[in-house]
Amino acid sequence: MKNIEIKIEWMTCGGCSGWVTWTLKATNGIESAEVSHETKLAQITYNEDIITKDDIFEIIKNMNYIPSDI
């Protein structure tokens, strides 16, 4: 398992962070995800054998948010 912390821009409310959290947790290979619209940060634990960081970034981009490394 690998842990990452990323910044996610364009989240404006708790609904946004809840949607991102739910989507990430529902993704195969992601063990846990905590997302805060207040800090714009996401803490994600994932299985590198199943999913990559680039895959996670692409999922977030497809939700119309902007992920970036901290």
C-alpha atoms as a PDB file:
ATOM      1  CA  MET A   1       0.000   0.000   0.000  1.00  0.00           C
ATOM      2  CA  LYS A   2       1.125   3.526  -0.742  1.00  0.00           C
ATOM      3  CA  ASN A   3      -0.015   6.780   0.866  1.00  0.00           C
ATOM      4  CA  ILE A   4      -0.177  10.073  -0.997  1.00  0.00           C
ATOM      5  CA  GLU A   5      -1.423  13.551  -0.199  1.00  0.00           C
ATOM      6  CA  ILE A   6      -2.564  15.686  -3.096  1.00  0.00           C
ATOM      7  CA  LYS A   7      -4.128  19.087  -3.595  1.00  0.00           C
ATOM      8  CA  ILE A   8      -7.483  19.280  -5.385  1.00  0.00           C
ATOM      9  CA  GLU A   9      -8.589  22.649  -6.768  1.00  0.00           C
ATOM     10  CA  TRP A  10     -12.149  23.792  -7.611  1.00  0.00           C
ATOM     11  CA  MET A  11     -13.920  22.050  -4.719  1.00  0.00           C
ATOM     12  CA  THR A  12     -16.308  24.614  -3.236  1.00  0.00           C
ATOM     13  CA  CYS A  13     -18.367  22.729  -0.646  1.00  0.00           C
ATOM     14  CA  GLY A  14     -18.745  19.624   1.458  1.00  0.00           C
ATOM     15  CA  GLY A  15     -20.760  18.041  -1.321  1.00  0.00           C
ATOM     16  CA  CYS A  16     -17.777  18.336  -3.651  1.00  0.00           C
ATOM     17  CA  SER A  17     -15.384  16.689  -1.234  1.00  0.00           C
ATOM     18  CA  GLY A  18     -17.995  14.048  -0.376  1.00  0.00           C
ATOM     19  CA  TRP A  19     -18.429  13.190  -4.051  1.00  0.00           C
ATOM     20  CA  VAL A  20     -14.672  12.924  -4.605  1.00  0.00           C
ATOM     21  CA  THR A  21     -14.280  10.821  -1.444  1.00  0.00           C
ATOM     22  CA  TRP A  22     -17.103   8.470  -2.455  1.00  0.00           C
ATOM     23  CA  THR A  23     -15.782   8.092  -6.008  1.00  0.00           C
ATOM     24  CA  LEU A  24     -12.248   7.355  -4.866  1.00  0.00           C
ATOM     25  CA  LYS A  25     -13.370   4.834  -2.236  1.00  0.00           C
ATOM     26  CA  ALA A  26     -15.478   3.071  -4.873  1.00  0.00           C
ATOM     27  CA  THR A  27     -12.454   2.720  -7.167  1.00  0.00           C
ATOM     28  CA  ASN A  28     -10.742  -0.658  -7.318  1.00  0.00           C
ATOM     29  CA  GLY A  29      -7.306  -0.446  -5.717  1.00  0.00           C
ATOM     30  CA  ILE A  30      -8.024   2.505  -3.434  1.00  0.00           C
ATOM     31  CA  GLU A  31      -8.033   1.388   0.191  1.00  0.00           C
ATOM     32  CA  SER A  32      -9.024   4.711   1.788  1.00  0.00           C
ATOM     33  CA  ALA A  33      -9.570   8.361   0.901  1.00  0.00           C
ATOM     34  CA  GLU A  34     -10.161  11.446   3.021  1.00  0.00           C
ATOM     35  CA  VAL A  35     -10.894  14.670   1.154  1.00  0.00           C
ATOM     36  CA  SER A  36     -11.435  18.169   2.586  1.00  0.00           C
ATOM     37  CA  HIS A  37     -12.856  21.035   0.553  1.00  0.00           C
ATOM     38  CA  GLU A  38     -11.680  23.450   3.269  1.00  0.00           C
ATOM     39  CA  THR A  39      -7.991  22.571   2.963  1.00  0.00           C
ATOM     40  CA  LYS A  40      -8.272  21.345  -0.647  1.00  0.00           C
ATOM     41  CA  LEU A  41      -6.275  18.260   0.390  1.00  0.00           C
ATOM     42  CA  ALA A  42      -6.836  14.556  -0.145  1.00  0.00           C
ATOM     43  CA  GLN A  43      -5.102  11.753   1.712  1.00  0.00           C
ATOM     44  CA  ILE A  44      -5.289   8.521  -0.241  1.00  0.00           C
ATOM     45  CA  THR A  45      -4.048   5.001   0.433  1.00  0.00           C
ATOM     46  CA  TYR A  46      -3.902   2.756  -2.614  1.00  0.00           C
ATOM     47  CA  ASN A  47      -2.488  -0.515  -3.933  1.00  0.00           C
ATOM     48  CA  GLU A  48       0.241   0.245  -6.489  1.00  0.00           C
ATOM     49  CA  ASP A  49      -0.246  -3.183  -8.060  1.00  0.00           C
ATOM     50  CA  ILE A  50      -3.817  -2.257  -9.058  1.00  0.00           C
ATOM     51  CA  ILE A  51      -3.876   1.512  -9.636  1.00  0.00           C
ATOM     52  CA  THR A  52      -1.299   4.259 -10.213  1.00  0.00           C
ATOM     53  CA  LYS A  53      -1.111   7.839  -9.005  1.00  0.00           C
ATOM     54  CA  ASP A  54      -1.652   8.946 -12.610  1.00  0.00           C
ATOM     55  CA  ASP A  55      -4.860   6.881 -12.703  1.00  0.00           C
ATOM     56  CA  ILE A  56      -6.061   8.617  -9.527  1.00  0.00           C
ATOM     57  CA  PHE A  57      -5.257  12.044 -11.003  1.00  0.00           C
ATOM     58  CA  GLU A  58      -7.194  11.113 -14.154  1.00  0.00           C
ATOM     59  CA  ILE A  59     -10.259  10.085 -12.107  1.00  0.00           C
ATOM     60  CA  ILE A  60     -10.223  13.451 -10.319  1.00  0.00           C
ATOM     61  CA  LYS A  61      -9.709  15.366 -13.591  1.00  0.00           C
ATOM     62  CA  ASN A  62     -12.690  13.528 -15.104  1.00  0.00           C
ATOM     63  CA  MET A  63     -14.767  14.921 -12.216  1.00  0.00           C
ATOM     64  CA  ASN A  64     -13.771  18.447 -13.377  1.00  0.00           C
ATOM     65  CA  TYR A  65     -11.381  19.131 -10.482  1.00  0.00           C
ATOM     66  CA  ILE A  66      -7.663  19.847 -10.716  1.00  0.00           C
ATOM     67  CA  PRO A  67      -5.346  17.509  -8.792  1.00  0.00           C
ATOM     68  CA  SER A  68      -1.699  18.361  -8.154  1.00  0.00           C
ATOM     69  CA  ASP A  69       1.243  17.245  -6.074  1.00  0.00           C
ATOM     70  CA  ILE A  70       1.928  19.204  -2.921  1.00  0.00           C
END
